[in-house]
N, C-alpha and C. Protein backbone atom coordinates (compact mmCIF):
# COMPACT_ATOMS: atom_id res chain seq x y z
N MET A 1 -26.60 61.18 67.23
CA MET A 1 -27.77 61.68 66.64
C MET A 1 -28.62 62.57 67.59
N ALA A 2 -28.44 62.34 68.87
CA ALA A 2 -29.23 63.06 69.88
C ALA A 2 -28.97 64.55 69.79
N GLY A 3 -27.79 64.96 69.27
CA GLY A 3 -27.46 66.37 69.14
C GLY A 3 -27.71 66.91 67.72
N ALA A 4 -28.30 66.15 66.87
CA ALA A 4 -28.53 66.59 65.49
C ALA A 4 -29.45 67.79 65.44
N ARG A 5 -29.25 68.60 64.42
CA ARG A 5 -30.10 69.77 64.22
C ARG A 5 -31.49 69.37 63.65
N HIS A 6 -31.53 68.26 62.86
CA HIS A 6 -32.72 67.84 62.23
C HIS A 6 -32.56 66.41 61.83
N THR A 7 -33.63 65.63 61.80
CA THR A 7 -33.61 64.25 61.26
C THR A 7 -34.51 64.21 60.02
N ILE A 8 -34.06 63.65 58.95
CA ILE A 8 -34.82 63.35 57.76
C ILE A 8 -34.99 61.86 57.70
N GLU A 9 -36.25 61.33 57.78
CA GLU A 9 -36.45 59.95 57.68
C GLU A 9 -37.09 59.67 56.34
N LEU A 10 -36.42 58.87 55.50
CA LEU A 10 -36.87 58.63 54.16
C LEU A 10 -37.76 57.44 54.13
N SER A 11 -38.88 57.57 54.80
CA SER A 11 -39.87 56.44 54.90
C SER A 11 -41.27 57.05 55.28
N LEU A 12 -42.20 56.83 54.46
CA LEU A 12 -43.60 57.22 54.83
C LEU A 12 -44.38 56.16 55.48
N PHE A 13 -43.84 54.90 55.39
CA PHE A 13 -44.67 53.80 55.83
C PHE A 13 -44.07 53.11 57.03
N ASN A 14 -42.96 53.58 57.55
CA ASN A 14 -42.40 53.00 58.75
C ASN A 14 -43.33 53.23 59.93
N ASP A 15 -43.66 52.16 60.63
CA ASP A 15 -44.48 52.32 61.83
C ASP A 15 -43.86 53.24 62.81
N ASP A 16 -44.63 54.19 63.33
CA ASP A 16 -44.08 55.20 64.25
C ASP A 16 -43.43 54.56 65.42
N ARG A 17 -43.89 53.39 65.87
CA ARG A 17 -43.24 52.67 66.98
C ARG A 17 -41.84 52.29 66.72
N PHE A 18 -41.46 52.18 65.44
CA PHE A 18 -40.11 51.75 65.13
C PHE A 18 -39.34 52.86 64.40
N SER A 19 -39.76 54.10 64.50
CA SER A 19 -39.15 55.14 63.73
C SER A 19 -37.93 55.75 64.55
N PRO A 20 -36.74 55.63 63.99
CA PRO A 20 -35.57 56.16 64.69
C PRO A 20 -35.75 57.71 64.84
N GLY A 21 -36.25 58.37 63.78
CA GLY A 21 -36.49 59.81 63.94
C GLY A 21 -37.51 60.15 64.94
N GLY A 22 -38.58 59.35 65.07
CA GLY A 22 -39.56 59.62 66.09
C GLY A 22 -38.96 59.42 67.49
N TYR A 23 -38.09 58.45 67.65
CA TYR A 23 -37.44 58.24 68.92
C TYR A 23 -36.60 59.49 69.29
N LEU A 24 -35.80 59.90 68.28
CA LEU A 24 -34.91 61.10 68.56
C LEU A 24 -35.73 62.35 68.86
N GLN A 25 -36.86 62.48 68.17
CA GLN A 25 -37.73 63.63 68.46
C GLN A 25 -38.35 63.61 69.83
N GLU A 26 -38.82 62.42 70.21
CA GLU A 26 -39.50 62.29 71.52
C GLU A 26 -38.49 62.36 72.65
N LYS A 27 -37.39 61.68 72.58
CA LYS A 27 -36.38 61.58 73.61
C LYS A 27 -35.47 62.78 73.73
N TYR A 28 -35.09 63.42 72.57
CA TYR A 28 -34.12 64.46 72.65
C TYR A 28 -34.58 65.78 71.95
N GLY A 29 -35.80 65.81 71.51
CA GLY A 29 -36.37 67.01 70.87
C GLY A 29 -35.73 67.38 69.51
N VAL A 30 -35.14 66.34 68.83
CA VAL A 30 -34.63 66.63 67.48
C VAL A 30 -35.80 66.73 66.51
N PRO A 31 -35.93 67.85 65.77
CA PRO A 31 -37.04 67.94 64.83
C PRO A 31 -36.90 66.86 63.74
N LEU A 32 -38.11 66.45 63.28
CA LEU A 32 -38.17 65.31 62.39
C LEU A 32 -39.05 65.66 61.10
N THR A 33 -38.52 65.30 59.95
CA THR A 33 -39.35 65.40 58.79
C THR A 33 -39.33 63.95 58.20
N LYS A 34 -40.50 63.39 57.97
CA LYS A 34 -40.67 62.12 57.24
C LYS A 34 -41.01 62.43 55.82
N MET A 35 -40.35 61.82 54.86
CA MET A 35 -40.70 62.05 53.47
C MET A 35 -40.38 60.81 52.65
N ALA A 36 -40.88 60.82 51.41
CA ALA A 36 -40.59 59.72 50.55
C ALA A 36 -39.14 59.68 50.13
N MET A 37 -38.65 58.56 49.65
CA MET A 37 -37.29 58.48 49.11
C MET A 37 -37.15 59.38 47.93
N PRO A 38 -36.00 60.07 47.75
CA PRO A 38 -35.88 61.00 46.66
C PRO A 38 -35.68 60.29 45.31
N VAL A 39 -36.80 59.84 44.79
CA VAL A 39 -36.85 59.14 43.52
C VAL A 39 -37.79 59.89 42.61
N GLY A 40 -37.41 60.15 41.44
CA GLY A 40 -38.28 60.84 40.47
C GLY A 40 -38.14 62.37 40.76
N ILE A 41 -38.81 63.15 39.93
CA ILE A 41 -38.61 64.61 39.98
C ILE A 41 -39.28 65.17 41.21
N ARG A 42 -40.51 64.84 41.50
CA ARG A 42 -41.23 65.48 42.64
C ARG A 42 -40.58 65.20 43.98
N ASP A 43 -40.27 63.92 44.22
CA ASP A 43 -39.76 63.59 45.55
C ASP A 43 -38.28 64.04 45.69
N THR A 44 -37.55 64.04 44.60
CA THR A 44 -36.19 64.61 44.69
C THR A 44 -36.25 66.09 44.91
N ASP A 45 -37.11 66.79 44.22
CA ASP A 45 -37.27 68.25 44.44
C ASP A 45 -37.65 68.54 45.93
N ALA A 46 -38.57 67.72 46.45
CA ALA A 46 -38.97 67.94 47.85
C ALA A 46 -37.83 67.70 48.80
N PHE A 47 -37.01 66.71 48.52
CA PHE A 47 -35.80 66.50 49.32
C PHE A 47 -34.83 67.60 49.25
N VAL A 48 -34.56 68.08 48.05
CA VAL A 48 -33.59 69.16 47.90
C VAL A 48 -34.11 70.43 48.54
N ASP A 49 -35.43 70.69 48.30
CA ASP A 49 -35.99 71.91 48.90
C ASP A 49 -35.91 71.88 50.45
N LEU A 50 -36.14 70.68 51.03
CA LEU A 50 -35.96 70.59 52.50
C LEU A 50 -34.52 70.87 52.87
N LEU A 51 -33.59 70.32 52.21
CA LEU A 51 -32.17 70.58 52.49
C LEU A 51 -31.87 72.06 52.43
N VAL A 52 -32.40 72.74 51.42
CA VAL A 52 -32.22 74.21 51.25
C VAL A 52 -32.80 74.94 52.40
N SER A 53 -34.04 74.46 52.80
CA SER A 53 -34.78 75.16 53.89
C SER A 53 -34.03 74.98 55.25
N LEU A 54 -33.15 73.94 55.33
CA LEU A 54 -32.43 73.73 56.52
C LEU A 54 -31.02 74.40 56.49
N GLY A 55 -30.81 75.22 55.45
CA GLY A 55 -29.55 75.94 55.34
C GLY A 55 -28.60 75.47 54.25
N GLY A 56 -28.97 74.49 53.55
CA GLY A 56 -28.09 74.05 52.43
C GLY A 56 -28.26 74.95 51.19
N THR A 57 -27.49 74.70 50.19
CA THR A 57 -27.58 75.41 48.97
C THR A 57 -27.79 74.43 47.81
N LYS A 58 -28.28 74.99 46.73
CA LYS A 58 -28.61 74.19 45.51
C LYS A 58 -27.47 74.57 44.52
N PRO A 59 -26.53 73.70 44.35
CA PRO A 59 -25.44 74.01 43.44
C PRO A 59 -25.91 74.03 41.98
N GLN A 60 -25.22 74.86 41.17
CA GLN A 60 -25.54 74.98 39.76
C GLN A 60 -25.52 73.58 39.05
N ALA A 61 -24.60 72.72 39.40
CA ALA A 61 -24.54 71.37 38.78
C ALA A 61 -25.76 70.61 39.03
N LEU A 62 -26.37 70.73 40.22
CA LEU A 62 -27.66 70.00 40.47
C LEU A 62 -28.79 70.58 39.63
N ILE A 63 -28.86 71.93 39.50
CA ILE A 63 -29.85 72.55 38.69
C ILE A 63 -29.74 72.07 37.28
N SER A 64 -28.48 72.02 36.73
CA SER A 64 -28.24 71.54 35.34
C SER A 64 -28.68 70.06 35.21
N GLU A 65 -28.31 69.24 36.16
CA GLU A 65 -28.69 67.79 36.11
C GLU A 65 -30.23 67.66 36.09
N ARG A 66 -30.85 68.50 36.88
CA ARG A 66 -32.40 68.39 36.94
C ARG A 66 -32.94 68.76 35.59
N GLY A 67 -32.38 69.68 34.93
CA GLY A 67 -32.85 70.08 33.60
C GLY A 67 -32.59 68.96 32.58
N ARG A 68 -31.48 68.32 32.62
CA ARG A 68 -31.25 67.14 31.73
C ARG A 68 -32.20 66.01 32.05
N TYR A 69 -32.52 65.79 33.27
CA TYR A 69 -33.46 64.74 33.72
C TYR A 69 -34.83 65.03 33.13
N ILE A 70 -35.29 66.25 33.28
CA ILE A 70 -36.57 66.62 32.73
C ILE A 70 -36.62 66.39 31.22
N ASP A 71 -35.55 66.81 30.56
CA ASP A 71 -35.44 66.60 29.06
C ASP A 71 -35.56 65.09 28.76
N ALA A 72 -34.86 64.31 29.52
CA ALA A 72 -34.90 62.83 29.34
C ALA A 72 -36.29 62.30 29.57
N MET A 73 -36.97 62.83 30.64
CA MET A 73 -38.36 62.36 30.87
C MET A 73 -39.28 62.67 29.65
N ILE A 74 -39.14 63.85 29.10
CA ILE A 74 -39.90 64.24 27.90
C ILE A 74 -39.62 63.27 26.75
N ASP A 75 -38.34 63.02 26.53
CA ASP A 75 -37.92 62.15 25.46
C ASP A 75 -38.40 60.75 25.63
N ASN A 76 -38.46 60.22 26.85
CA ASN A 76 -38.77 58.78 27.00
C ASN A 76 -40.30 58.51 27.11
N HIS A 77 -41.14 59.54 27.24
CA HIS A 77 -42.54 59.29 27.31
C HIS A 77 -43.09 58.45 26.19
N LYS A 78 -42.63 58.66 25.04
CA LYS A 78 -43.18 57.92 23.82
C LYS A 78 -42.84 56.42 23.95
N TYR A 79 -41.76 56.10 24.64
CA TYR A 79 -41.37 54.69 24.88
C TYR A 79 -42.07 54.10 26.09
N CYS A 80 -42.19 54.89 27.12
CA CYS A 80 -42.83 54.38 28.35
C CYS A 80 -44.34 54.23 28.32
N ALA A 81 -44.95 54.96 27.35
CA ALA A 81 -46.45 54.96 27.33
C ALA A 81 -47.11 53.63 27.10
N GLU A 82 -46.34 52.68 26.54
CA GLU A 82 -46.87 51.36 26.33
C GLU A 82 -46.62 50.39 27.55
N GLY A 83 -45.89 50.87 28.51
CA GLY A 83 -45.64 50.05 29.67
C GLY A 83 -46.78 49.89 30.55
N ARG A 84 -47.02 48.62 30.92
CA ARG A 84 -48.07 48.26 31.93
C ARG A 84 -47.37 47.54 33.01
N ALA A 85 -46.97 48.30 34.07
CA ALA A 85 -46.09 47.77 35.11
C ALA A 85 -46.81 47.12 36.20
N ALA A 86 -46.18 46.07 36.79
CA ALA A 86 -46.51 45.52 38.11
C ALA A 86 -45.33 45.88 38.96
N ILE A 87 -45.60 46.58 40.02
CA ILE A 87 -44.53 47.02 40.93
C ILE A 87 -44.77 46.37 42.24
N PHE A 88 -43.65 45.74 42.79
CA PHE A 88 -43.82 45.01 44.01
C PHE A 88 -42.62 45.09 44.92
N GLY A 89 -42.83 44.97 46.20
CA GLY A 89 -41.75 45.06 47.17
C GLY A 89 -42.20 45.75 48.45
N GLU A 90 -41.30 46.29 49.21
CA GLU A 90 -41.65 46.91 50.44
C GLU A 90 -42.42 48.24 50.16
N PRO A 91 -43.30 48.67 51.05
CA PRO A 91 -44.12 49.83 50.81
C PRO A 91 -43.44 51.11 50.31
N ASP A 92 -42.34 51.42 50.94
CA ASP A 92 -41.64 52.69 50.56
C ASP A 92 -41.05 52.57 49.15
N PHE A 93 -40.50 51.40 48.78
CA PHE A 93 -39.97 51.20 47.38
C PHE A 93 -41.18 51.21 46.46
N VAL A 94 -42.25 50.54 46.75
CA VAL A 94 -43.42 50.51 45.83
C VAL A 94 -43.96 51.88 45.64
N TYR A 95 -44.09 52.65 46.70
CA TYR A 95 -44.60 54.04 46.60
C TYR A 95 -43.73 54.84 45.64
N SER A 96 -42.37 54.82 45.86
CA SER A 96 -41.50 55.59 45.01
C SER A 96 -41.45 55.21 43.58
N MET A 97 -41.47 53.92 43.38
CA MET A 97 -41.44 53.40 41.99
C MET A 97 -42.70 53.67 41.22
N THR A 98 -43.81 53.61 41.96
CA THR A 98 -45.15 53.87 41.35
C THR A 98 -45.17 55.39 40.95
N ARG A 99 -44.72 56.24 41.80
CA ARG A 99 -44.69 57.69 41.43
C ARG A 99 -43.76 57.95 40.27
N LEU A 100 -42.62 57.28 40.30
CA LEU A 100 -41.66 57.44 39.16
C LEU A 100 -42.33 56.97 37.84
N CYS A 101 -42.96 55.86 37.87
CA CYS A 101 -43.61 55.36 36.66
C CYS A 101 -44.69 56.38 36.19
N CYS A 102 -45.49 56.86 37.08
CA CYS A 102 -46.52 57.85 36.70
C CYS A 102 -45.94 59.11 36.11
N GLU A 103 -44.78 59.54 36.66
CA GLU A 103 -44.18 60.74 36.09
C GLU A 103 -43.64 60.48 34.70
N ASN A 104 -43.28 59.21 34.40
CA ASN A 104 -42.61 58.95 33.12
C ASN A 104 -43.48 58.33 32.10
N GLY A 105 -44.80 58.23 32.38
CA GLY A 105 -45.72 57.67 31.38
C GLY A 105 -45.99 56.20 31.38
N THR A 106 -45.42 55.46 32.34
CA THR A 106 -45.71 54.06 32.46
C THR A 106 -46.83 53.85 33.49
N VAL A 107 -47.84 53.12 33.11
CA VAL A 107 -48.97 52.94 33.95
C VAL A 107 -48.72 51.77 34.91
N PRO A 108 -48.68 52.04 36.22
CA PRO A 108 -48.61 50.97 37.18
C PRO A 108 -49.91 50.32 37.43
N VAL A 109 -50.27 49.35 36.53
CA VAL A 109 -51.56 48.70 36.60
C VAL A 109 -51.70 47.75 37.78
N GLY A 110 -50.58 47.24 38.28
CA GLY A 110 -50.59 46.45 39.47
C GLY A 110 -49.57 46.91 40.44
N VAL A 111 -49.97 47.20 41.68
CA VAL A 111 -49.07 47.67 42.74
C VAL A 111 -49.26 46.77 43.91
N PHE A 112 -48.14 46.07 44.30
CA PHE A 112 -48.25 45.03 45.29
C PHE A 112 -47.20 45.13 46.32
N THR A 113 -47.62 44.85 47.59
CA THR A 113 -46.60 44.67 48.70
C THR A 113 -47.06 43.42 49.52
N GLY A 114 -46.09 42.72 49.97
CA GLY A 114 -46.40 41.62 50.87
C GLY A 114 -46.60 42.04 52.29
N SER A 115 -46.25 43.28 52.58
CA SER A 115 -46.47 43.85 53.91
C SER A 115 -47.93 44.20 54.18
N VAL A 116 -48.34 44.14 55.38
CA VAL A 116 -49.64 44.64 55.75
C VAL A 116 -49.45 46.15 55.90
N CYS A 117 -50.04 46.84 54.97
CA CYS A 117 -49.83 48.31 54.82
C CYS A 117 -51.13 48.99 54.31
N PRO A 118 -52.16 49.09 55.07
CA PRO A 118 -53.43 49.63 54.60
C PRO A 118 -53.28 51.10 54.13
N SER A 119 -52.24 51.82 54.50
CA SER A 119 -52.13 53.20 54.06
C SER A 119 -51.52 53.33 52.69
N LEU A 120 -51.00 52.25 52.09
CA LEU A 120 -50.40 52.34 50.75
C LEU A 120 -51.47 52.71 49.66
N LYS A 121 -52.59 51.98 49.73
CA LYS A 121 -53.61 52.20 48.71
C LYS A 121 -54.12 53.67 48.68
N PRO A 122 -54.52 54.19 49.82
CA PRO A 122 -54.96 55.60 49.78
C PRO A 122 -53.91 56.58 49.37
N ALA A 123 -52.63 56.24 49.59
CA ALA A 123 -51.50 57.11 49.24
C ALA A 123 -51.30 57.14 47.72
N LEU A 124 -51.70 56.10 47.03
CA LEU A 124 -51.39 56.01 45.60
C LEU A 124 -52.62 55.94 44.68
N GLU A 125 -53.74 55.68 45.25
CA GLU A 125 -54.96 55.37 44.44
C GLU A 125 -55.31 56.50 43.45
N CYS A 126 -55.31 57.74 43.82
CA CYS A 126 -55.67 58.78 42.90
C CYS A 126 -54.63 58.93 41.80
N GLU A 127 -53.40 58.85 42.13
CA GLU A 127 -52.32 59.05 41.15
C GLU A 127 -52.27 57.84 40.11
N VAL A 128 -52.49 56.65 40.58
CA VAL A 128 -52.50 55.48 39.67
C VAL A 128 -53.72 55.61 38.80
N LYS A 129 -54.92 55.97 39.36
CA LYS A 129 -56.09 56.06 38.51
C LYS A 129 -55.95 57.14 37.45
N THR A 130 -55.36 58.30 37.83
CA THR A 130 -55.16 59.35 36.85
C THR A 130 -54.27 58.94 35.76
N ALA A 131 -53.12 58.22 36.06
CA ALA A 131 -52.23 57.68 35.05
C ALA A 131 -52.95 56.73 34.13
N ALA A 132 -53.72 55.81 34.71
CA ALA A 132 -54.46 54.87 33.92
C ALA A 132 -55.50 55.48 33.03
N ASP A 133 -56.20 56.51 33.59
CA ASP A 133 -57.22 57.18 32.76
C ASP A 133 -56.55 57.93 31.59
N ASN A 134 -55.44 58.61 31.90
CA ASN A 134 -54.80 59.40 30.85
C ASN A 134 -54.31 58.55 29.71
N LEU A 135 -53.92 57.31 29.98
CA LEU A 135 -53.40 56.47 28.91
C LEU A 135 -54.35 55.33 28.54
N LEU A 136 -55.60 55.51 28.95
CA LEU A 136 -56.67 54.56 28.61
C LEU A 136 -56.27 53.15 28.97
N ALA A 137 -55.66 52.93 30.11
CA ALA A 137 -55.17 51.62 30.52
C ALA A 137 -56.18 50.71 31.15
N GLY A 138 -57.30 51.25 31.55
CA GLY A 138 -58.33 50.39 32.16
C GLY A 138 -58.09 50.15 33.63
N GLU A 139 -58.38 48.96 34.12
CA GLU A 139 -58.41 48.66 35.51
C GLU A 139 -56.98 48.65 36.13
N THR A 140 -56.92 49.08 37.37
CA THR A 140 -55.68 48.94 38.11
C THR A 140 -55.97 48.32 39.48
N VAL A 141 -54.91 47.78 40.07
CA VAL A 141 -55.11 47.09 41.40
C VAL A 141 -53.92 47.59 42.29
N ILE A 142 -54.25 47.87 43.54
CA ILE A 142 -53.23 48.18 44.57
C ILE A 142 -53.57 47.31 45.75
N LEU A 143 -52.64 46.31 46.06
CA LEU A 143 -52.90 45.34 47.08
C LEU A 143 -51.72 45.31 48.13
N ASP A 144 -52.10 45.27 49.38
CA ASP A 144 -51.11 44.97 50.45
C ASP A 144 -51.35 43.53 50.91
N ASP A 145 -50.46 43.01 51.72
CA ASP A 145 -50.51 41.67 52.20
C ASP A 145 -50.79 40.67 51.07
N CYS A 146 -50.04 40.86 50.02
CA CYS A 146 -50.18 40.13 48.76
C CYS A 146 -49.02 39.16 48.57
N ASP A 147 -49.30 37.91 48.22
CA ASP A 147 -48.19 36.97 47.95
C ASP A 147 -47.95 36.86 46.44
N PHE A 148 -46.85 36.19 46.08
CA PHE A 148 -46.47 36.14 44.63
C PHE A 148 -47.53 35.46 43.78
N ASP A 149 -48.23 34.48 44.27
CA ASP A 149 -49.25 33.79 43.51
C ASP A 149 -50.35 34.75 43.14
N ARG A 150 -50.82 35.52 44.09
CA ARG A 150 -51.84 36.56 43.75
C ARG A 150 -51.30 37.62 42.78
N MET A 151 -50.07 38.03 43.06
CA MET A 151 -49.45 39.04 42.15
C MET A 151 -49.36 38.48 40.70
N GLU A 152 -48.98 37.23 40.56
CA GLU A 152 -48.85 36.65 39.23
C GLU A 152 -50.25 36.59 38.56
N HIS A 153 -51.27 36.13 39.31
CA HIS A 153 -52.61 36.11 38.73
C HIS A 153 -53.11 37.43 38.30
N GLU A 154 -52.94 38.44 39.15
CA GLU A 154 -53.39 39.77 38.86
C GLU A 154 -52.60 40.36 37.68
N SER A 155 -51.33 40.13 37.66
CA SER A 155 -50.50 40.64 36.58
C SER A 155 -50.90 40.09 35.20
N GLU A 156 -51.14 38.81 35.16
CA GLU A 156 -51.64 38.16 33.90
C GLU A 156 -52.99 38.74 33.52
N ARG A 157 -53.89 38.89 34.43
CA ARG A 157 -55.24 39.38 34.22
C ARG A 157 -55.18 40.84 33.69
N LEU A 158 -54.29 41.65 34.22
CA LEU A 158 -54.19 43.07 33.86
C LEU A 158 -53.30 43.29 32.65
N GLY A 159 -52.68 42.29 32.04
CA GLY A 159 -51.85 42.48 30.86
C GLY A 159 -50.50 43.22 31.16
N VAL A 160 -49.92 42.91 32.30
CA VAL A 160 -48.63 43.50 32.67
C VAL A 160 -47.57 43.07 31.63
N ASN A 161 -46.70 44.09 31.22
CA ASN A 161 -45.59 43.73 30.39
C ASN A 161 -44.23 44.16 30.93
N VAL A 162 -44.24 44.74 32.11
CA VAL A 162 -43.02 45.16 32.83
C VAL A 162 -43.24 44.82 34.29
N LEU A 163 -42.15 44.15 34.91
CA LEU A 163 -42.13 43.87 36.33
C LEU A 163 -41.06 44.77 36.95
N ILE A 164 -41.37 45.44 38.02
CA ILE A 164 -40.42 46.29 38.75
C ILE A 164 -40.41 45.86 40.16
N GLY A 165 -39.34 45.32 40.66
CA GLY A 165 -39.19 44.88 42.05
C GLY A 165 -37.92 44.10 42.25
N SER A 166 -37.87 43.38 43.33
CA SER A 166 -36.63 42.61 43.66
C SER A 166 -36.45 41.39 42.74
N SER A 167 -35.31 40.82 42.86
CA SER A 167 -35.02 39.57 42.06
C SER A 167 -35.92 38.47 42.58
N ASP A 168 -36.48 38.53 43.69
CA ASP A 168 -37.43 37.42 44.15
C ASP A 168 -38.59 37.31 43.25
N GLY A 169 -38.96 38.29 42.52
CA GLY A 169 -40.05 38.25 41.63
C GLY A 169 -39.76 37.46 40.35
């Protein structure tokens, strides 16, 4: 990897002290782009756009698949709009799933990670509030350093009807 042309690190919440891409950039001068996992339309578009900017091409099949995905998003909004999700897990997973829910009309009323990650709330707060306001969902909660007992209590209080996370939940 020391001779790589570019490093793409699919993590916004990885501590810089433990960043493989940061190490390669510092030690060997390999350019680094940190970005969210390519989940949902916005973050997948950003990933594909970065690959194109680095010399890749956007095949017609990918363009067609993107169109079908957008059509599916439009069709599923009427079903997703009643979803009141609790999303839990590691910060990068939670971030991506929260954005995916917001894109598809499901309100992430509870967003939880067991990790100590104070940057998660500011990264999602505006988007979650906008989704909740648009669908008249009321209160939302974004918590880091949260255990399953607290998540369960908050989920019941907020009227969650969909859980998104690992099988541990």
